[in-house]
Protein backbone atom coordinates (compact mmCIF):
# COMPACT_ATOMS: atom_id res chain seq x y z
CA MET A 1 112.19 97.17 80.62
CA ALA A 2 110.48 95.12 83.33
CA HIS A 3 113.51 92.95 84.29
CA SER A 4 113.57 91.78 87.84
CA LEU A 5 116.26 93.23 90.07
CA SER A 6 119.17 90.99 90.54
CA GLN A 7 119.40 91.87 94.21
CA GLN A 8 116.86 92.80 96.93
CA HIS A 9 118.74 95.80 98.35
CA GLU A 10 118.63 94.30 101.84
CA GLY A 11 121.12 96.84 103.12
CA CYS A 12 118.93 99.70 102.02
CA GLU A 13 117.64 101.69 105.01
CA LYS A 14 114.32 103.45 104.97
CA GLY A 15 114.64 106.92 103.61
CA GLU A 16 117.76 106.17 101.49
CA PRO A 17 116.72 104.98 98.03
CA SER A 18 119.13 102.70 96.19
CA TYR A 19 119.05 102.44 92.42
CA ASP A 20 121.75 99.88 91.96
CA GLY A 21 121.18 97.22 89.32
CA LEU A 22 118.58 99.10 87.40
CA ASP A 23 120.48 99.86 84.16
CA ASP A 24 119.03 96.77 82.48
CA ASP A 25 115.50 98.03 83.28
CA THR A 26 115.71 101.04 81.01
CA ALA A 27 112.49 101.60 79.09
CA TYR A 28 113.20 104.85 77.37
CA CYS A 29 116.09 107.24 77.22
CA TYR A 30 116.15 110.65 75.39
CA GLY A 31 119.85 110.49 74.58
CA LEU A 32 123.35 110.54 75.99
CA ASN A 33 123.39 112.05 79.51
CA CYS A 34 119.64 112.73 79.16
CA PHE A 35 116.66 111.63 81.19
CA LYS A 36 116.16 107.88 81.49
CA LEU A 37 112.91 106.03 82.44
CA ARG A 38 113.33 102.64 84.06
CA ARG A 39 110.47 100.16 83.88
CA LEU A 40 106.95 100.91 82.68
CA PRO A 41 103.62 100.58 84.36
CA ALA A 42 101.43 97.73 83.22
CA PRO A 43 97.81 98.65 82.37
CA ARG A 44 95.07 96.14 82.39
CA PRO A 45 91.72 96.31 80.55
CA GLY A 46 88.67 96.96 82.75
CA GLU A 47 90.68 98.79 85.43
CA LEU A 48 91.72 102.30 86.01
CA LEU A 49 95.56 102.67 86.52
CA ALA A 50 96.95 105.80 88.17
CA LEU A 51 100.59 106.81 88.15
CA VAL A 52 101.90 108.67 91.17
CA GLY A 53 105.26 110.37 91.67
CA ILE A 54 107.08 113.68 92.00
CA HIS A 55 107.60 116.17 89.19
CA ARG A 56 110.12 115.35 86.40
CA THR A 57 110.54 111.67 87.18
CA GLY A 58 108.88 110.37 83.96
CA LYS A 59 105.11 110.24 84.40
CA THR A 60 104.34 112.13 81.16
CA THR A 61 107.09 110.19 79.36
CA ALA A 62 105.42 106.91 80.43
CA LEU A 63 102.04 108.19 79.19
CA LYS A 64 103.58 109.02 75.84
CA VAL A 65 105.05 105.58 75.57
CA LEU A 66 101.74 103.90 76.43
CA ALA A 67 99.92 106.16 73.96
CA GLY A 68 102.29 105.21 71.13
CA LEU A 69 103.78 108.73 70.85
CA LEU A 70 107.16 107.37 71.89
CA LYS A 71 108.47 103.86 71.21
CA PRO A 72 110.39 102.11 73.97
CA ASN A 73 114.09 102.15 73.02
CA LEU A 74 115.46 100.21 75.97
CA GLY A 75 118.06 102.90 76.29
CA ARG A 76 119.43 102.30 72.79
CA PHE A 77 118.73 105.69 71.48
CA ASN A 78 121.37 105.37 68.70
CA ALA A 79 119.95 102.08 67.37
CA PRO A 80 116.28 101.76 68.60
CA PRO A 81 115.13 98.16 68.80
CA GLU A 82 112.21 96.72 66.88
CA TRP A 83 109.07 95.42 68.56
CA PRO A 84 110.07 91.68 68.78
CA ASP A 85 113.19 92.73 70.70
CA ILE A 86 111.08 95.05 72.90
CA LEU A 87 108.52 92.34 73.69
CA SER A 88 111.30 89.91 74.59
CA HIS A 89 112.33 92.30 77.36
CA CYS A 90 108.84 92.48 78.82
CA ASP A 91 108.91 90.23 81.91
CA ASP A 92 105.50 91.55 83.01
CA ARG A 93 102.61 89.61 81.34
CA ASP A 94 100.15 92.56 81.49
CA LEU A 95 102.64 94.99 79.90
CA LYS A 96 103.51 92.38 77.15
CA ASN A 97 99.79 91.88 76.49
CA TYR A 98 99.27 95.63 76.31
CA PHE A 99 102.01 96.20 73.70
CA THR A 100 100.94 93.08 71.69
CA HIS A 101 97.39 94.51 71.64
CA PHE A 102 98.88 97.83 70.55
CA ILE A 103 100.94 96.26 67.70
CA GLU A 104 98.24 93.88 66.40
CA LYS A 105 95.00 95.82 66.92
CA LYS A 106 96.33 99.34 66.39
CA PRO A 107 93.88 100.64 69.00
CA LYS A 108 92.60 104.17 69.01
CA VAL A 109 94.03 106.34 71.83
CA ALA A 110 92.23 109.35 73.30
CA PHE A 111 94.90 111.48 75.05
CA LYS A 112 94.19 114.51 77.21
CA ALA A 113 97.49 116.35 77.44
CA GLN A 114 98.72 118.14 80.50
CA HIS A 115 99.23 121.59 78.86
CA PHE A 116 96.87 123.69 76.78
CA ASP A 117 99.41 125.76 74.85
CA ASP A 118 98.64 124.17 71.50
CA LEU A 119 94.92 124.63 72.01
CA ARG A 120 95.20 128.32 72.92
CA VAL A 121 97.04 129.13 69.70
CA SER A 122 94.81 127.00 67.49
CA ASP A 123 91.76 128.25 65.55
CA LEU A 124 89.61 125.56 67.30
CA ASP A 125 86.28 126.38 68.92
CA VAL A 126 84.27 124.42 71.40
CA GLY A 127 82.13 122.80 68.69
CA LYS A 128 85.18 121.38 66.95
CA MET A 129 86.44 119.94 70.24
CA LEU A 130 83.30 118.35 71.44
CA VAL A 131 82.67 115.61 68.84
CA ASP A 132 80.23 113.03 70.16
CA GLN A 133 81.44 109.66 68.98
CA ARG A 134 79.89 107.70 71.93
CA GLY A 135 76.34 109.20 72.02
CA MET A 136 77.09 110.55 75.50
CA MET A 137 77.13 114.33 74.84
CA LYS A 138 74.33 115.20 77.30
CA GLU A 139 75.62 113.00 80.16
CA VAL A 140 79.24 114.09 79.86
CA CYS A 141 78.58 117.84 79.35
CA ASP A 142 75.98 117.98 82.15
CA ALA A 143 78.32 116.22 84.59
CA LEU A 144 81.16 118.62 83.73
CA GLY A 145 79.06 121.80 83.91
CA LEU A 146 79.23 122.31 80.11
CA THR A 147 75.49 122.19 79.42
CA LYS A 148 75.44 125.52 77.60
CA TYR A 149 78.05 124.20 75.10
CA ARG A 150 75.88 121.19 73.98
CA GLU A 151 73.77 123.31 71.60
CA LEU A 152 74.63 126.97 72.35
CA ASN A 153 77.99 128.72 72.33
CA ARG A 154 79.57 125.97 70.28
CA ASP A 155 81.44 128.57 68.16
CA GLN A 156 83.24 130.01 71.23
CA ARG A 157 86.98 130.07 70.63
CA LEU A 158 89.18 128.00 72.98
CA ASP A 159 91.59 130.91 73.55
CA SER A 160 88.72 132.83 75.18
CA LEU A 161 88.06 130.17 77.83
CA SER A 162 89.45 130.27 81.39
CA ASP A 163 91.96 127.52 82.39
CA GLY A 164 89.28 125.74 84.43
CA MET A 165 86.76 125.80 81.62
CA LEU A 166 89.33 124.69 79.02
CA GLN A 167 90.29 121.76 81.31
CA ARG A 168 86.69 120.61 81.48
CA VAL A 169 86.24 120.96 77.74
CA SER A 170 89.46 118.90 77.22
CA ILE A 171 88.20 116.12 79.54
CA ALA A 172 84.85 116.13 77.83
CA ALA A 173 86.44 116.05 74.37
CA THR A 174 88.58 113.01 75.41
CA ALA A 175 85.68 111.21 77.09
CA LEU A 176 83.32 111.66 74.04
CA GLN A 177 85.79 109.85 71.70
CA LYS A 178 85.17 106.15 70.92
CA ALA A 179 88.56 104.88 71.88
CA ASP A 180 90.25 101.73 73.17
CA ILE A 181 92.72 103.52 75.38
CA TYR A 182 91.93 106.65 77.36
CA ILE A 183 94.77 108.62 78.92
CA PHE A 184 94.42 111.73 81.12
CA ASP A 185 97.46 113.80 82.15
CA GLU A 186 96.69 115.86 85.28
CA PRO A 187 92.96 116.31 84.76
CA SER A 188 92.32 117.96 88.17
CA ASN A 189 94.50 121.05 87.42
CA PHE A 190 92.48 124.31 87.64
CA LEU A 191 89.32 122.56 88.90
CA ASP A 192 87.67 123.18 92.28
CA VAL A 193 86.79 120.28 94.60
CA THR A 194 83.27 119.79 93.11
CA GLN A 195 84.55 119.79 89.54
CA ARG A 196 87.34 117.34 90.42
CA PHE A 197 84.98 114.73 91.71
CA LYS A 198 82.59 115.24 88.80
CA ALA A 199 85.50 114.83 86.41
CA ALA A 200 86.56 111.66 88.23
CA GLN A 201 83.08 110.18 87.81
CA VAL A 202 83.13 110.95 84.03
CA ILE A 203 86.59 109.29 83.69
CA ARG A 204 85.57 106.24 85.68
CA SER A 205 82.48 105.83 83.41
CA LEU A 206 84.90 105.00 80.55
CA ILE A 207 85.91 101.73 82.19
CA ASN A 208 84.63 98.58 80.50
CA PRO A 209 86.10 95.09 80.08
CA ASP A 210 87.81 96.09 76.82
CA THR A 211 89.22 99.54 77.46
CA TYR A 212 92.35 100.79 79.19
CA VAL A 213 92.07 103.93 81.29
CA ILE A 214 95.29 105.52 82.63
CA VAL A 215 95.52 108.70 84.76
CA VAL A 216 98.37 110.88 86.12
CA ASP A 217 97.50 113.45 88.78
CA ASN A 218 99.04 115.15 91.88
CA ASP A 219 95.84 115.30 93.92
CA LEU A 220 96.09 112.12 95.93
CA SER A 221 92.40 112.28 97.03
CA PHE A 222 91.47 112.49 93.36
CA ILE A 223 93.64 109.47 92.65
CA ASP A 224 92.21 107.59 95.62
CA TYR A 225 88.65 108.29 94.38
CA ILE A 226 89.22 107.51 90.72
CA SER A 227 91.67 104.55 90.48
CA ASP A 228 91.69 100.81 91.01
CA GLU A 229 95.42 100.37 90.99
CA ILE A 230 98.46 102.68 91.15
CA HIS A 231 102.07 102.46 90.10
CA CYS A 232 104.39 104.53 92.23
CA LEU A 233 107.35 106.34 90.63
CA TYR A 234 110.54 107.44 92.37
CA GLY A 235 113.95 108.74 91.25
CA GLU A 236 115.98 111.92 90.69
CA PRO A 237 114.03 114.72 89.09
CA GLY A 238 115.30 115.54 85.59
CA LYS A 239 117.78 112.61 85.62
CA TYR A 240 115.81 109.38 85.84
CA GLY A 241 112.62 107.80 87.15
CA VAL A 242 111.91 104.23 88.28
CA PHE A 243 108.44 102.64 88.43
CA THR A 244 107.73 100.11 91.09
CA ARG A 245 107.76 96.66 89.56
CA LEU A 246 104.18 95.83 90.33
CA ALA A 247 101.03 97.87 90.76
CA TYR A 248 99.31 98.13 94.11
CA ASN A 249 95.62 98.16 94.92
CA VAL A 250 94.86 101.83 95.42
CA SER A 251 94.00 101.32 99.11
CA ALA A 252 97.47 99.93 99.86
CA GLY A 253 99.19 102.00 97.25
CA ILE A 254 98.33 105.40 98.59
CA GLU A 255 99.49 104.37 102.06
CA ILE A 256 102.73 102.91 100.72
CA TYR A 257 103.43 105.97 98.65
CA LEU A 258 102.84 108.32 101.59
CA ASP A 259 104.93 106.09 103.89
CA GLY A 260 107.65 106.18 101.33
CA PHE A 261 108.70 102.54 101.41
CA ASP A 262 107.89 99.71 98.96
CA THR A 263 107.73 96.68 101.33
CA ARG A 264 107.54 94.18 98.50
CA GLU A 265 110.85 95.32 96.97
CA ASN A 266 112.36 96.49 100.25
CA GLN A 267 112.87 99.79 98.46
CA PRO A 268 112.52 103.36 99.72
CA LEU A 269 110.43 105.56 97.43
CA ARG A 270 111.91 108.90 98.47
CA ARG A 271 114.75 110.49 100.39
CA GLY A 272 113.51 111.90 103.66
CA LYS A 273 110.74 111.15 106.12
CA SER A 274 107.33 109.52 105.73
CA LEU A 275 104.60 111.92 104.71
CA ILE A 276 102.25 110.37 107.28
CA PHE A 277 101.77 112.45 110.30
CA LYS A 278 99.23 113.18 113.00
CA PRO A 279 98.16 116.83 112.81
CA GLY A 280 99.12 118.59 116.01
CA LYS A 281 95.81 120.07 117.08
CA MET A 282 96.59 122.87 119.44
CA SER A 283 94.33 124.32 122.10
CA ALA A 284 92.22 127.19 120.96
CA ASP A 285 93.17 128.99 124.14
CA GLY A 286 96.92 128.82 123.44
CA GLY A 287 97.63 132.56 123.08
CA SER A 288 97.70 135.24 125.64
CA PHE A 289 96.67 138.13 123.33
CA GLU A 290 93.18 138.99 122.02
CA PRO A 291 92.67 136.95 118.94
CA PRO A 292 92.10 138.69 115.60
CA CYS A 293 88.52 138.92 114.43
CA TYR A 294 86.29 140.37 111.77
CA PRO A 295 82.59 141.40 112.08
CA ASP A 296 79.62 140.60 109.82
CA LEU A 297 80.53 142.28 106.55
CA THR A 298 78.99 143.07 103.17
CA LEU A 299 81.05 143.92 100.08
CA THR A 300 79.02 145.20 97.24
CA ARG A 301 80.11 145.46 93.59
CA GLU A 302 78.15 146.05 90.41
CA SER A 303 78.11 142.35 89.49
CA PHE A 304 77.87 140.72 92.93
CA LYS A 305 77.40 141.04 96.65
CA LEU A 306 79.49 139.20 99.17
CA GLN A 307 78.05 138.68 102.69
CA VAL A 308 80.50 137.49 105.32
CA ALA A 309 79.53 136.09 108.70
CA GLY A 310 81.92 137.35 111.39
CA ALA A 311 84.37 135.21 113.16
CA GLU A 312 87.18 135.17 115.76
CA LEU A 313 90.43 133.58 114.44
CA LYS A 314 91.81 131.62 117.38
CA ASP A 315 95.46 130.92 118.03
CA ALA A 316 97.09 127.86 116.44
CA GLN A 317 94.01 127.19 114.36
CA ILE A 318 93.93 126.76 110.60
CA TYR A 319 90.69 127.75 108.79
CA LEU A 320 90.05 126.02 105.55
CA VAL A 321 87.91 127.96 103.00
CA LEU A 322 85.91 125.61 100.70
CA GLY A 323 83.66 126.43 97.79
CA ALA A 324 83.29 126.16 94.11
CA ASN A 325 85.29 128.21 91.61
CA GLY A 326 83.83 131.70 91.08
CA THR A 327 82.24 131.92 94.56
CA LYS A 328 84.56 134.85 95.61
CA LYS A 329 86.86 132.88 97.88
CA THR A 330 89.80 134.94 96.67
CA THR A 331 87.71 138.09 97.27
CA PHE A 332 87.18 136.97 100.86
CA ILE A 333 90.88 136.36 101.39
CA ARG A 334 91.74 139.75 99.85
CA LEU A 335 89.17 141.41 102.11
CA LEU A 336 90.98 139.98 105.15
CA ALA A 337 94.32 140.95 103.63
CA GLY A 338 93.09 144.56 103.47
CA THR A 339 93.44 145.06 99.72
CA PHE A 340 90.08 146.80 99.44
CA ARG A 341 89.50 150.42 100.35
CA PRO A 342 87.58 150.92 103.63
CA LEU A 343 84.68 152.58 101.81
CA ALA A 344 84.10 149.33 99.86
CA VAL A 345 83.22 147.35 102.99
CA GLU A 346 80.40 148.07 105.34
CA SER A 347 79.54 146.22 108.53
CA GLN A 348 76.02 145.59 109.60
CA GLY A 349 76.13 148.69 111.72
CA GLY A 350 77.01 150.77 108.70
CA LYS A 351 80.55 151.58 109.88
CA LEU A 352 83.55 151.37 107.69
CA TRP A 353 85.92 148.50 108.37
CA ARG A 354 89.40 147.40 107.37
CA SER A 355 91.29 144.46 108.93
CA MET A 356 93.61 146.02 111.56
CA PHE A 357 95.31 142.79 112.68
CA MET A 358 98.83 141.93 111.42
CA LYS A 359 98.58 139.67 108.39
CA SER A 360 100.80 138.06 105.70
CA TYR A 361 99.26 137.21 102.34
CA LYS A 362 100.24 134.68 99.64
CA PRO A 363 98.12 135.56 96.55
CA GLN A 364 96.93 132.96 94.02
CA ASN A 365 98.73 134.64 91.15
CA LEU A 366 102.46 135.17 91.76
CA ASN A 367 104.92 137.63 90.19
CA THR A 368 107.09 135.44 87.99
CA GLU A 369 109.12 138.17 86.24
CA SER A 370 111.13 139.59 89.08
CA THR A 371 114.87 140.04 88.44
CA ARG A 372 115.64 139.93 92.22
CA ILE A 373 117.70 137.11 93.78
CA VAL A 374 115.83 134.74 96.18
CA ARG A 375 118.12 135.85 98.97
CA GLN A 376 116.99 139.46 98.33
CA VAL A 377 113.34 138.43 98.48
CA LEU A 378 113.97 136.95 101.88
CA SER A 379 116.16 139.89 102.92
CA PRO A 380 113.54 141.47 105.27
CA PHE A 381 113.92 138.25 107.25
CA PRO A 382 117.63 137.61 107.64
CA ILE A 383 118.30 133.96 107.42
CA ASP A 384 121.06 133.92 110.07
CA GLY A 385 118.55 135.55 112.46
CA MET A 386 115.75 133.09 111.80
CA HIS A 387 114.54 130.65 114.46
CA PRO A 388 116.35 127.27 114.01
CA GLN A 389 112.96 125.51 114.03
CA PHE A 390 111.68 127.77 111.26
CA LYS A 391 114.71 126.91 109.15
CA GLU A 392 114.06 123.18 109.68
CA ASP A 393 110.25 123.27 109.41
CA VAL A 394 109.95 125.67 106.50
CA LEU A 395 113.17 126.54 104.67
CA GLU A 396 114.73 123.16 104.65
CA ALA A 397 111.44 121.22 104.24
CA LEU A 398 110.44 123.41 101.23
CA GLN A 399 113.99 123.16 99.80
CA ILE A 400 114.47 126.99 99.79
CA MET A 401 118.14 126.98 100.77
CA PRO A 402 119.47 125.66 97.42
CA LEU A 403 117.52 128.49 95.66
CA LEU A 404 119.05 131.41 97.63
CA ASP A 405 121.36 132.60 94.84
CA ARG A 406 118.91 131.98 92.00
CA GLN A 407 117.06 134.71 90.21
CA VAL A 408 113.35 134.65 91.01
CA GLY A 409 112.44 134.81 87.37
CA SER A 410 114.38 131.66 86.70
CA LEU A 411 112.46 129.60 89.23
CA SER A 412 110.02 126.89 88.11
CA PRO A 413 106.35 127.50 89.00
CA GLY A 414 106.70 124.99 91.80
CA GLU A 415 109.82 126.56 93.23
CA MET A 416 108.05 129.96 92.99
CA GLN A 417 105.14 128.64 94.90
CA LYS A 418 107.31 127.23 97.69
CA LEU A 419 109.18 130.53 97.98
CA ALA A 420 105.87 132.41 98.26
CA ILE A 421 104.74 130.01 101.04
CA ALA A 422 108.03 130.55 102.93
CA CYS A 423 107.83 134.32 102.70
CA CYS A 424 104.29 134.31 103.90
CA LEU A 425 105.22 132.26 106.94
CA ALA A 426 108.41 134.23 107.58
CA THR A 427 106.36 137.51 107.76
CA PRO A 428 105.43 138.36 111.41
CA ALA A 429 101.63 138.21 111.50
CA ASP A 430 98.60 137.40 113.60
CA VAL A 431 96.99 135.67 110.61
CA HIS A 432 98.72 133.99 107.62
CA LEU A 433 96.48 134.09 104.48
CA PHE A 434 97.12 131.55 101.67
CA ASP A 435 95.30 131.37 98.35
CA GLU A 436 95.73 127.91 96.72
CA PRO A 437 99.21 127.00 98.12
CA SER A 438 99.11 123.61 96.30
CA GLU A 439 99.14 125.12 92.79
CA HIS A 440 102.12 123.81 90.69
CA LEU A 441 103.27 121.47 93.42
CA ASP A 442 103.49 117.68 92.98
CA SER A 443 101.84 115.24 95.38
CA ASP A 444 104.87 115.03 97.73
CA GLU A 445 105.45 118.84 97.73
CA ARG A 446 101.77 119.49 98.59
CA ILE A 447 101.88 117.41 101.77
CA ILE A 448 105.30 118.74 102.77
CA ALA A 449 103.95 122.32 102.33
CA ALA A 450 100.93 121.42 104.51
CA MET A 451 103.27 120.01 107.20
CA ALA A 452 105.37 123.21 107.03
CA ILE A 453 102.29 125.47 107.46
CA ARG A 454 100.85 123.27 110.22
CA ARG A 455 104.02 123.09 112.25
CA HIS A 456 104.76 126.77 111.95
CA VAL A 457 101.23 127.77 113.00
CA SER A 458 101.30 125.32 115.92
CA ARG A 459 104.76 126.57 117.10
CA THR A 460 104.02 130.23 116.79
CA LEU A 461 100.39 130.05 118.08
CA ARG A 462 99.16 132.12 115.09
CA ALA A 463 96.10 131.61 112.94
CA ALA A 464 95.97 130.78 109.20
CA VAL A 465 93.16 131.10 106.68
CA ILE A 466 93.67 128.92 103.53
CA VAL A 467 91.78 128.52 100.25
CA GLU A 468 92.62 125.06 98.82
CA HIS A 469 91.15 122.60 96.36
CA ASP A 470 93.49 119.61 96.99
CA PHE A 471 91.30 117.67 99.40
CA MET A 472 94.04 115.57 101.00
CA MET A 473 96.24 118.64 101.50
CA ALA A 474 93.19 120.43 102.89
CA THR A 475 92.43 117.75 105.41
CA TYR A 476 96.08 117.65 106.58
CA LEU A 477 95.74 121.32 107.32
CA ALA A 478 92.31 122.20 108.64
CA ASP A 479 91.08 122.65 112.15
CA GLN A 480 87.93 124.50 111.17
CA VAL A 481 86.02 124.98 107.87
CA ILE A 482 84.55 128.10 106.30
CA LEU A 483 82.05 127.45 103.50
CA VAL A 484 81.46 129.84 100.63
CA GLU A 485 78.31 129.46 98.52
CA GLU A 486 76.53 131.23 95.69
CA ARG A 487 72.98 132.40 96.26
CA GLN A 488 70.75 133.51 93.45
CA THR A 489 68.22 136.28 94.41
CA LYS A 490 65.40 137.71 92.43
CA PRO A 491 65.22 141.46 91.71
CA SER A 492 62.99 143.61 93.90
CA THR A 493 59.35 143.96 92.66
CA THR A 494 59.71 147.73 92.97
CA GLU A 495 62.59 147.79 90.56
CA SER A 496 62.31 147.79 86.82
CA VAL A 497 63.04 144.27 85.54
CA THR A 498 65.50 144.12 82.70
CA PRO A 499 67.43 141.19 81.26
CA ASN A 500 70.29 140.06 83.48
CA SER A 501 69.04 142.30 86.33
CA SER A 502 69.14 139.47 88.87
CA THR A 503 71.74 139.97 91.57
CA THR A 504 74.34 137.27 92.31
CA GLU A 505 74.97 137.02 96.05
CA PHE A 506 77.67 135.01 97.75
CA ALA A 507 77.77 134.00 101.42
CA VAL A 508 80.77 133.23 103.63
CA SER A 509 79.82 131.19 106.68
CA SER A 510 81.21 131.49 110.14
CA PRO A 511 83.75 128.70 110.93
CA TYR A 512 82.37 125.18 111.51
CA PRO A 513 84.17 122.47 113.54
CA PHE A 514 86.22 120.41 111.12
CA VAL A 515 84.00 117.25 110.84
CA GLU A 516 80.75 119.21 110.73
CA GLY A 517 82.04 121.55 108.03
CA MET A 518 83.33 118.64 105.96
CA ASN A 519 80.00 116.87 106.22
CA LYS A 520 78.08 119.98 105.12
CA PHE A 521 80.43 120.47 102.15
CA LEU A 522 80.67 116.89 100.99
CA SER A 523 76.95 116.26 101.29
CA HIS A 524 76.55 118.71 98.34
CA GLN A 525 79.18 116.86 96.33
CA ASN A 526 77.62 113.44 96.89
CA VAL A 527 81.11 112.18 97.92
CA THR A 528 82.15 110.43 101.09
CA PHE A 529 85.50 110.24 102.94
CA ARG A 530 86.57 108.27 105.97
CA ARG A 531 89.57 107.76 108.18
CA ASP A 532 89.88 104.05 108.64
CA PRO A 533 91.41 103.04 112.06
CA LEU A 534 92.29 99.65 110.68
CA SER A 535 94.76 101.13 108.12
CA PHE A 536 96.23 104.63 108.21
CA GLN A 537 93.91 106.41 110.60
CA PHE A 538 95.52 109.84 109.89
CA VAL A 539 95.08 109.61 106.11
CA PRO A 540 91.63 110.55 104.74
CA ARG A 541 90.40 108.03 102.20
CA ALA A 542 87.94 108.63 99.35
CA ASN A 543 85.13 106.09 99.02
CA LYS A 544 84.37 104.85 95.53
CA LEU A 545 80.92 105.94 94.38
CA GLY A 546 78.50 103.09 95.19
CA SER A 547 80.89 101.16 97.41
CA PHE A 548 79.74 99.61 100.68
CA GLU A 549 81.63 102.37 102.64
CA ASP A 550 79.98 105.03 100.43
CA TRP A 551 76.50 103.48 100.87
CA ASP A 552 76.88 103.04 104.64
CA GLN A 553 78.00 106.59 105.30
CA LYS A 554 75.34 108.18 103.12
CA ARG A 555 72.69 105.99 104.80
CA LYS A 556 73.76 107.39 108.12
CA GLY A 557 74.14 110.96 106.86
CA ASN A 558 77.92 110.92 107.59
CA TYR A 559 79.84 112.16 104.57
CA TYR A 560 83.09 112.60 106.49
CA VAL A 561 83.76 110.03 109.22
CA PRO A 562 86.90 110.49 111.36
CA ASN A 563 86.83 106.90 112.72
CA TRP A 564 84.94 104.60 110.39
CA ARG A 565 83.98 101.18 111.61
CA VAL A 566 81.59 98.60 110.32
CA SER A 567 79.28 96.29 112.30
CA ALA A 568 77.76 92.98 111.43
CA GLN A 569 74.36 94.64 111.23
CA ASP A 570 75.71 97.18 108.68
CA VAL A 571 76.90 94.34 106.49
CA LEU A 572 73.49 92.60 106.78
CA ASN A 573 71.72 95.83 105.85
CA ALA A 574 73.98 96.27 102.81
CA ARG A 575 73.17 92.68 101.54
CA GLN A 576 69.42 93.39 101.90
CA HIS A 577 69.77 96.47 99.67
């Protein structure tokens, strides 16, 4: 299970993974010609371990083994071994200690599963989910924005909750258990940026010298912020997955994973290029035509009012839209896409307005039931007539070519998302509009999609406006930042005041320069990021809450620092505090 490789793969070139000599490392196999997981990660008490890898390479299988839901069979699915035999195959001391603890102590495991299907069809309500075994109900619920469920609304059924609310309830229910092992499978799904960092703080609060905490997630910024160590996973999706033999400190592990090469084992972690790149910032004056723009706008509905500050969308610029869930980011994108009637939108001058510039739009919710073939979906844009660079940067990068003869309805959610991104970029437009392009993509695919969008926008000198919650993908993309906020207003004193008569207003800012916009947004999250020139200066790194870097940046009022450096005086100030 954790056998050392008999050879060092010295002939293995970067970008060409070799899996020779791994048969003896099998930890679990589902059956003949079925998926096989090689090696297992080794958790340690008092530290948070994260597992990082592409879809369908065994992350959830590893979690089930570590949770005791599956017993390691060493590949002997016809005659599963007993625990003494399993322990004799554990070369890693930490993994052996973990399983010994599991056998002897029979620890309690709190497991937050990836999917909610079972919860939605159950008769559970919020009160039955949120059972306070640790005396932390107030702290956990307040941090996750579930205050109203502490005493009120506890009888609300789970099938009535949104995906984001159900995710937060599931995290809270897991964190409130008194357990020895806490496992979270993709806790950032359906959460906005603010909620992700709050969830990370709740999960990190579970760490103590006697507990194990293990997390799988596809948001690398979330992993960077939450974990102490990471195990990388590579392999062939649906066929087998291989864990790196040893865990890396998260600072080095994120860099090694993105670079795609395990230097300690001389082993490539993926086929293809490194996912580290320097964003190609193009001149704002690159185009020769008048750039698309929109004026100050007000969109009024019965339940809300959206006020938009006007902007000019410059060539080769990507505008990142940041804001909490429910702040009408999708409404703003749809407004630019022209899906509202002109009568619904008034400019400050009282004139009707509709976006007249050419645009392409990838919505958040995709049509997954189409019977058309992928080639037919792309038929308005004949592949033979596409620019060779577009084929390389978009179709090949997003692996669209192998899907051409597949029925759209048979695609996985991730494949569907990549097809939608490709179609949006293939559509001739002045502005490409994307609503959450990272949804259903794994950590590799998210950055590859960001690269595809960035390179296409830079090459064609067109603008893009993108709503995104994955912070690392967002920082790979953005040139400028648009902030969306909720504003509570009181009813007019001349109006009759009735319950719930307050008006909810939302405001969309004009674009900020990237660093200024990030600073404004992160200051409200109490989270700091830096680009460290001593390591990977093009990869944004999340600072642990309370770390020296976190303290130093907050002291200076810099929540996003593009070139973080520390002086001797900074260290002296930190020691004094």
